[in-house]
């Protein structure tokens, strides 16, 4: 597999070929636990640009049997996949990819991060996700702005996330996004502010920026 997917030796490979390799990856000899085997296969596959797209797009990360099982099956598959990424401590890798990958790949990374944040927020916080997502709130791409705001809304569910967002002064950017031209961006920004302002610190940040009007 390493030889076939070596970008230097084979820079161009058909999508069908990549899909086939992805589909048989889990049938390799059980030389280790399934989780380790999948992780090793993924590291090899992610060396190829087409594999990155296939593995990050939620609808293509499942085998044909799972894809034919309907939306409930796909949802369970995505949650299980996200849990595997969290268990393998790969969330910091996803977060760092937001600063180095092409724009289209960043969208896919944010979509994958969405499911990982459902399983665990601590890894993303430790990896500096808030600081990186803060930059993405001003990105020219509507998709990236929207998904970054949604990721911040998820990060702000636990108290540690709310505190970090206030510490990094993300609230002013979220307020600016309330006037964005895209409806999804505005909705996700509003959801983030809703989560942040549950705490006293978040309320004071919003009052200082006159989002919440308060008279002593």
C-alpha atoms as a PDB file:
ATOM      1  CA  UNK A   1       0.000   0.000   0.000  1.00  0.00           C
ATOM      2  CA  UNK A   2       2.828   2.407   0.825  1.00  0.00           C
ATOM      3  CA  UNK A   3       4.387   1.853  -2.608  1.00  0.00           C
ATOM      4  CA  UNK A   4       1.107   2.233  -4.487  1.00  0.00           C
ATOM      5  CA  UNK A   5       0.150   5.424  -2.643  1.00  0.00           C
ATOM      6  CA  UNK A   6       3.598   7.024  -2.610  1.00  0.00           C
ATOM      7  CA  UNK A   7       2.850  10.556  -3.942  1.00  0.00           C
ATOM      8  CA  UNK A   8       6.303  10.812  -5.490  1.00  0.00           C
ATOM      9  CA  UNK A   9       5.987   7.523  -7.357  1.00  0.00           C
ATOM     10  CA  UNK A  10       2.317   7.908  -8.225  1.00  0.00           C
ATOM     11  CA  UNK A  11       1.183  11.555  -7.995  1.00  0.00           C
ATOM     12  CA  UNK A  12      -2.053  10.925  -9.907  1.00  0.00           C
ATOM     13  CA  UNK A  13      -4.425   8.110  -9.060  1.00  0.00           C
ATOM     14  CA  UNK A  14      -8.053   7.652 -10.024  1.00  0.00           C
ATOM     15  CA  UNK A  15     -10.703   8.230  -7.414  1.00  0.00           C
ATOM     16  CA  UNK A  16     -12.114   4.765  -8.091  1.00  0.00           C
ATOM     17  CA  UNK A  17      -8.754   3.189  -7.282  1.00  0.00           C
ATOM     18  CA  UNK A  18      -8.476   5.130  -4.043  1.00  0.00           C
ATOM     19  CA  UNK A  19     -12.018   4.163  -3.047  1.00  0.00           C
ATOM     20  CA  UNK A  20     -11.219   0.511  -3.662  1.00  0.00           C
ATOM     21  CA  UNK A  21      -8.097   0.681  -1.512  1.00  0.00           C
ATOM     22  CA  UNK A  22     -10.040   2.413   1.258  1.00  0.00           C
ATOM     23  CA  UNK A  23     -12.730  -0.268   1.118  1.00  0.00           C
ATOM     24  CA  UNK A  24     -10.286  -3.161   1.537  1.00  0.00           C
ATOM     25  CA  UNK A  25      -8.125  -1.469   4.189  1.00  0.00           C
ATOM     26  CA  UNK A  26     -10.093  -3.029   7.030  1.00  0.00           C
ATOM     27  CA  UNK A  27      -9.722  -6.533   5.548  1.00  0.00           C
ATOM     28  CA  UNK A  28      -5.949  -6.601   6.086  1.00  0.00           C
ATOM     29  CA  UNK A  29      -4.542  -9.385   8.300  1.00  0.00           C
ATOM     30  CA  UNK A  30      -5.247  -8.828  11.970  1.00  0.00           C
ATOM     31  CA  UNK A  31      -1.647  -8.216  12.985  1.00  0.00           C
ATOM     32  CA  UNK A  32      -2.896  -5.852  15.699  1.00  0.00           C
ATOM     33  CA  UNK A  33      -6.112  -4.536  17.190  1.00  0.00           C
ATOM     34  CA  UNK A  34      -8.676  -3.125  14.702  1.00  0.00           C
ATOM     35  CA  UNK A  35      -8.208   0.416  16.037  1.00  0.00           C
ATOM     36  CA  UNK A  36      -4.443   0.328  15.558  1.00  0.00           C
ATOM     37  CA  UNK A  37      -4.810  -1.271  12.131  1.00  0.00           C
ATOM     38  CA  UNK A  38      -7.224   1.433  10.970  1.00  0.00           C
ATOM     39  CA  UNK A  39      -4.951   4.170  12.319  1.00  0.00           C
ATOM     40  CA  UNK A  40      -1.919   2.754  10.487  1.00  0.00           C
ATOM     41  CA  UNK A  41      -3.886   2.457   7.248  1.00  0.00           C
ATOM     42  CA  UNK A  42      -5.187   6.005   7.625  1.00  0.00           C
ATOM     43  CA  UNK A  43      -1.690   7.446   8.070  1.00  0.00           C
ATOM     44  CA  UNK A  44      -0.634   5.822   4.790  1.00  0.00           C
ATOM     45  CA  UNK A  45      -3.770   6.885   2.935  1.00  0.00           C
ATOM     46  CA  UNK A  46      -3.546  10.489   4.158  1.00  0.00           C
ATOM     47  CA  UNK A  47      -0.248  10.851   2.314  1.00  0.00           C
ATOM     48  CA  UNK A  48      -2.249  11.131  -0.905  1.00  0.00           C
ATOM     49  CA  UNK A  49      -4.346  14.234  -1.631  1.00  0.00           C
ATOM     50  CA  UNK A  50      -7.274  12.271  -3.053  1.00  0.00           C
ATOM     51  CA  UNK A  51      -7.288  10.063   0.037  1.00  0.00           C
ATOM     52  CA  UNK A  52      -7.471  13.139   2.260  1.00  0.00           C
ATOM     53  CA  UNK A  53     -10.638  14.222   0.492  1.00  0.00           C
ATOM     54  CA  UNK A  54     -12.206  10.759   0.569  1.00  0.00           C
ATOM     55  CA  UNK A  55     -11.380  10.143   4.208  1.00  0.00           C
ATOM     56  CA  UNK A  56     -12.449  13.582   5.421  1.00  0.00           C
ATOM     57  CA  UNK A  57     -15.770  13.789   3.550  1.00  0.00           C
ATOM     58  CA  UNK A  58     -18.250  12.253   6.028  1.00  0.00           C
ATOM     59  CA  UNK A  59     -20.395  10.603   3.333  1.00  0.00           C
ATOM     60  CA  UNK A  60     -17.371   8.835   1.835  1.00  0.00           C
ATOM     61  CA  UNK A  61     -15.648   7.692   4.992  1.00  0.00           C
ATOM     62  CA  UNK A  62     -18.037   4.763   5.359  1.00  0.00           C
ATOM     63  CA  UNK A  63     -17.939   1.503   3.473  1.00  0.00           C
ATOM     64  CA  UNK A  64     -20.658   0.892   0.816  1.00  0.00           C
ATOM     65  CA  UNK A  65     -22.576  -1.406   3.180  1.00  0.00           C
ATOM     66  CA  UNK A  66     -22.811   1.372   5.768  1.00  0.00           C
ATOM     67  CA  UNK A  67     -23.641   4.040   3.197  1.00  0.00           C
ATOM     68  CA  UNK A  68     -26.630   2.007   2.049  1.00  0.00           C
ATOM     69  CA  UNK A  69     -27.973   1.773   5.580  1.00  0.00           C
ATOM     70  CA  UNK A  70     -29.689   5.151   5.643  1.00  0.00           C
ATOM     71  CA  UNK A  71     -29.056   8.351   7.579  1.00  0.00           C
ATOM     72  CA  UNK A  72     -29.159   6.687  11.006  1.00  0.00           C
ATOM     73  CA  UNK A  73     -26.431   4.239  10.013  1.00  0.00           C
ATOM     74  CA  UNK A  74     -24.305   7.008   8.513  1.00  0.00           C
ATOM     75  CA  UNK A  75     -24.691   9.088  11.671  1.00  0.00           C
ATOM     76  CA  UNK A  76     -23.614   6.188  13.890  1.00  0.00           C
ATOM     77  CA  UNK A  77     -20.648   5.565  11.612  1.00  0.00           C
ATOM     78  CA  UNK A  78     -19.510   9.172  11.829  1.00  0.00           C
ATOM     79  CA  UNK A  79     -19.804   9.192  15.627  1.00  0.00           C
ATOM     80  CA  UNK A  80     -17.810   5.962  15.880  1.00  0.00           C
ATOM     81  CA  UNK A  81     -15.187   7.356  13.512  1.00  0.00           C
ATOM     82  CA  UNK A  82     -14.904  10.551  15.552  1.00  0.00           C
ATOM     83  CA  UNK A  83     -14.565   8.548  18.759  1.00  0.00           C
ATOM     84  CA  UNK A  84     -11.730   6.570  17.154  1.00  0.00           C
ATOM     85  CA  UNK A  85      -9.926   9.794  16.241  1.00  0.00           C
ATOM     86  CA  UNK A  86     -10.316  11.069  19.796  1.00  0.00           C
ATOM     87  CA  UNK A  87      -9.144   7.775  21.290  1.00  0.00           C
ATOM     88  CA  UNK A  88      -6.084   7.846  19.007  1.00  0.00           C
ATOM     89  CA  UNK A  89      -5.250  11.443  20.080  1.00  0.00           C
ATOM     90  CA  UNK A  90      -5.519  12.667  16.489  1.00  0.00           C
ATOM     91  CA  UNK A  91      -7.611  15.773  17.217  1.00  0.00           C
ATOM     92  CA  UNK A  92      -4.482  17.989  17.602  1.00  0.00           C
ATOM     93  CA  UNK A  93      -3.406  16.843  14.132  1.00  0.00           C
ATOM     94  CA  UNK A  94      -6.767  17.921  12.699  1.00  0.00           C
ATOM     95  CA  UNK A  95      -6.537  21.298  14.436  1.00  0.00           C
ATOM     96  CA  UNK A  96      -3.029  21.943  13.094  1.00  0.00           C
ATOM     97  CA  UNK A  97      -4.133  21.026   9.558  1.00  0.00           C
ATOM     98  CA  UNK A  98      -6.387  24.082   9.576  1.00  0.00           C
ATOM     99  CA  UNK A  99      -3.262  26.239   9.237  1.00  0.00           C
ATOM    100  CA  UNK A 100      -1.462  24.243   6.554  1.00  0.00           C
ATOM    101  CA  UNK A 101      -4.037  22.706   4.209  1.00  0.00           C
ATOM    102  CA  UNK A 102      -5.746  24.087   1.122  1.00  0.00           C
ATOM    103  CA  UNK A 103      -9.063  25.853   1.562  1.00  0.00           C
ATOM    104  CA  UNK A 104     -11.199  22.919   0.345  1.00  0.00           C
ATOM    105  CA  UNK A 105      -9.417  20.550   2.718  1.00  0.00           C
ATOM    106  CA  UNK A 106      -9.894  22.998   5.598  1.00  0.00           C
ATOM    107  CA  UNK A 107     -13.657  22.767   5.088  1.00  0.00           C
ATOM    108  CA  UNK A 108     -13.451  18.977   5.314  1.00  0.00           C
ATOM    109  CA  UNK A 109     -11.245  19.180   8.398  1.00  0.00           C
ATOM    110  CA  UNK A 110     -13.782  21.463  10.087  1.00  0.00           C
ATOM    111  CA  UNK A 111     -16.575  19.026   9.232  1.00  0.00           C
ATOM    112  CA  UNK A 112     -14.591  16.178  10.778  1.00  0.00           C
ATOM    113  CA  UNK A 113     -13.717  18.306  13.804  1.00  0.00           C
ATOM    114  CA  UNK A 114     -17.440  18.888  14.326  1.00  0.00           C
ATOM    115  CA  UNK A 115     -17.976  15.197  15.104  1.00  0.00           C
ATOM    116  CA  UNK A 116     -14.825  14.995  17.223  1.00  0.00           C
ATOM    117  CA  UNK A 117     -15.983  17.915  19.378  1.00  0.00           C
ATOM    118  CA  UNK A 118     -19.204  16.040  20.053  1.00  0.00           C
ATOM    119  CA  UNK A 119     -17.095  13.294  21.619  1.00  0.00           C
ATOM    120  CA  UNK A 120     -14.490  15.431  23.419  1.00  0.00           C
ATOM    121  CA  UNK A 121     -13.506  19.101  23.618  1.00  0.00           C
ATOM    122  CA  UNK A 122     -10.444  18.829  25.861  1.00  0.00           C
ATOM    123  CA  UNK A 123      -8.027  17.706  23.125  1.00  0.00           C
ATOM    124  CA  UNK A 124      -9.023  20.568  20.845  1.00  0.00           C
ATOM    125  CA  UNK A 125      -8.603  23.111  23.654  1.00  0.00           C
ATOM    126  CA  UNK A 126      -5.161  21.752  24.538  1.00  0.00           C
ATOM    127  CA  UNK A 127      -4.134  21.933  20.875  1.00  0.00           C
ATOM    128  CA  UNK A 128      -4.950  25.649  20.643  1.00  0.00           C
ATOM    129  CA  UNK A 129      -8.117  25.227  18.613  1.00  0.00           C
ATOM    130  CA  UNK A 130      -9.666  28.478  19.873  1.00  0.00           C
ATOM    131  CA  UNK A 131      -6.716  30.560  18.666  1.00  0.00           C
ATOM    132  CA  UNK A 132      -6.784  28.926  15.224  1.00  0.00           C
ATOM    133  CA  UNK A 133     -10.574  29.071  14.869  1.00  0.00           C
ATOM    134  CA  UNK A 134     -10.478  32.739  15.831  1.00  0.00           C
ATOM    135  CA  UNK A 135      -8.439  33.433  12.684  1.00  0.00           C
ATOM    136  CA  UNK A 136     -10.898  31.449  10.567  1.00  0.00           C
ATOM    137  CA  UNK A 137     -13.792  33.684  11.647  1.00  0.00           C
ATOM    138  CA  UNK A 138     -12.375  36.350   9.327  1.00  0.00           C
ATOM    139  CA  UNK A 139     -11.707  33.997   6.414  1.00  0.00           C
ATOM    140  CA  UNK A 140     -13.014  35.070   2.967  1.00  0.00           C
ATOM    141  CA  UNK A 141     -14.728  31.690   2.524  1.00  0.00           C
ATOM    142  CA  UNK A 142     -18.309  31.619   3.802  1.00  0.00           C
ATOM    143  CA  UNK A 143     -18.072  27.874   4.440  1.00  0.00           C
ATOM    144  CA  UNK A 144     -14.966  28.245   6.594  1.00  0.00           C
ATOM    145  CA  UNK A 145     -16.417  31.181   8.565  1.00  0.00           C
ATOM    146  CA  UNK A 146     -19.633  29.279   9.191  1.00  0.00           C
ATOM    147  CA  UNK A 147     -17.977  26.018  10.243  1.00  0.00           C
ATOM    148  CA  UNK A 148     -15.424  27.821  12.405  1.00  0.00           C
ATOM    149  CA  UNK A 149     -18.219  29.645  14.244  1.00  0.00           C
ATOM    150  CA  UNK A 150     -20.036  26.339  14.681  1.00  0.00           C
ATOM    151  CA  UNK A 151     -16.885  24.717  16.083  1.00  0.00           C
ATOM    152  CA  UNK A 152     -16.536  27.563  18.585  1.00  0.00           C
ATOM    153  CA  UNK A 153     -20.164  27.081  19.596  1.00  0.00           C
ATOM    154  CA  UNK A 154     -19.358  23.426  20.356  1.00  0.00           C
ATOM    155  CA  UNK A 155     -16.160  24.324  22.212  1.00  0.00           C
ATOM    156  CA  UNK A 156     -18.149  26.734  24.369  1.00  0.00           C
ATOM    157  CA  UNK A 157     -20.386  24.008  25.779  1.00  0.00           C
ATOM    158  CA  UNK A 158     -18.020  23.200  28.704  1.00  0.00           C
ATOM    159  CA  UNK A 159     -16.924  25.949  31.095  1.00  0.00           C
ATOM    160  CA  UNK A 160     -13.271  25.596  30.087  1.00  0.00           C
ATOM    161  CA  UNK A 161     -14.202  26.406  26.497  1.00  0.00           C
ATOM    162  CA  UNK A 162     -16.219  29.471  27.496  1.00  0.00           C
ATOM    163  CA  UNK A 163     -13.324  30.781  29.562  1.00  0.00           C
ATOM    164  CA  UNK A 164     -10.771  30.212  26.787  1.00  0.00           C
ATOM    165  CA  UNK A 165     -12.911  31.998  24.204  1.00  0.00           C
ATOM    166  CA  UNK A 166     -13.256  35.011  26.520  1.00  0.00           C
ATOM    167  CA  UNK A 167      -9.530  34.921  27.271  1.00  0.00           C
ATOM    168  CA  UNK A 168      -8.650  34.943  23.567  1.00  0.00           C
ATOM    169  CA  UNK A 169     -11.072  37.848  22.929  1.00  0.00           C
ATOM    170  CA  UNK A 170     -13.140  35.984  20.364  1.00  0.00           C
ATOM    171  CA  UNK A 171     -16.391  37.668  21.405  1.00  0.00           C
ATOM    172  CA  UNK A 172     -15.817  40.859  19.328  1.00  0.00           C
ATOM    173  CA  UNK A 173     -15.341  38.795  16.165  1.00  0.00           C
ATOM    174  CA  UNK A 174     -18.487  36.793  16.873  1.00  0.00           C
ATOM    175  CA  UNK A 175     -20.416  40.028  17.288  1.00  0.00           C
ATOM    176  CA  UNK A 176     -19.148  41.233  13.911  1.00  0.00           C
ATOM    177  CA  UNK A 177     -20.380  38.000  12.336  1.00  0.00           C
ATOM    178  CA  UNK A 178     -23.922  38.820  13.480  1.00  0.00           C
ATOM    179  CA  UNK A 179     -23.951  41.197  10.511  1.00  0.00           C
ATOM    180  CA  UNK A 180     -22.474  38.684   8.054  1.00  0.00           C
ATOM    181  CA  UNK A 181     -24.160  38.333   4.675  1.00  0.00           C
ATOM    182  CA  UNK A 182     -24.642  34.583   5.185  1.00  0.00           C
ATOM    183  CA  UNK A 183     -27.468  33.315   7.360  1.00  0.00           C
ATOM    184  CA  UNK A 184     -25.633  30.229   8.613  1.00  0.00           C
ATOM    185  CA  UNK A 185     -22.655  32.317   9.703  1.00  0.00           C
ATOM    186  CA  UNK A 186     -24.933  34.645  11.674  1.00  0.00           C
ATOM    187  CA  UNK A 187     -26.808  31.734  13.256  1.00  0.00           C
ATOM    188  CA  UNK A 188     -23.617  29.962  14.357  1.00  0.00           C
ATOM    189  CA  UNK A 189     -22.152  33.188  15.723  1.00  0.00           C
ATOM    190  CA  UNK A 190     -25.351  33.806  17.684  1.00  0.00           C
ATOM    191  CA  UNK A 191     -25.238  30.253  19.026  1.00  0.00           C
ATOM    192  CA  UNK A 192     -21.654  30.763  20.171  1.00  0.00           C
ATOM    193  CA  UNK A 193     -22.568  33.986  21.956  1.00  0.00           C
ATOM    194  CA  UNK A 194     -25.524  32.241  23.581  1.00  0.00           C
ATOM    195  CA  UNK A 195     -23.205  29.608  25.066  1.00  0.00           C
ATOM    196  CA  UNK A 196     -20.579  32.149  26.115  1.00  0.00           C
ATOM    197  CA  UNK A 197     -22.949  34.522  27.882  1.00  0.00           C
ATOM    198  CA  UNK A 198     -24.207  31.824  30.227  1.00  0.00           C
ATOM    199  CA  UNK A 199     -21.218  32.612  32.443  1.00  0.00           C
ATOM    200  CA  UNK A 200     -20.653  35.844  34.347  1.00  0.00           C
ATOM    201  CA  UNK A 201     -17.400  36.468  32.491  1.00  0.00           C
ATOM    202  CA  UNK A 202     -19.174  36.022  29.170  1.00  0.00           C
ATOM    203  CA  UNK A 203     -21.962  38.388  30.211  1.00  0.00           C
ATOM    204  CA  UNK A 204     -19.483  41.094  31.151  1.00  0.00           C
ATOM    205  CA  UNK A 205     -17.692  40.668  27.809  1.00  0.00           C
ATOM    206  CA  UNK A 206     -20.997  41.092  25.972  1.00  0.00           C
ATOM    207  CA  UNK A 207     -21.997  44.099  28.108  1.00  0.00           C
ATOM    208  CA  UNK A 208     -18.665  45.793  27.413  1.00  0.00           C
ATOM    209  CA  UNK A 209     -19.360  45.494  23.684  1.00  0.00           C
ATOM    210  CA  UNK A 210     -23.004  46.612  24.170  1.00  0.00           C
ATOM    211  CA  UNK A 211     -24.449  43.342  22.923  1.00  0.00           C
ATOM    212  CA  UNK A 212     -26.299  43.121  26.224  1.00  0.00           C
ATOM    213  CA  UNK A 213     -27.699  46.441  27.426  1.00  0.00           C
ATOM    214  CA  UNK A 214     -27.450  46.823  31.184  1.00  0.00           C
ATOM    215  CA  UNK A 215     -28.258  49.667  33.555  1.00  0.00           C
ATOM    216  CA  UNK A 216     -26.893  49.648  37.130  1.00  0.00           C
END
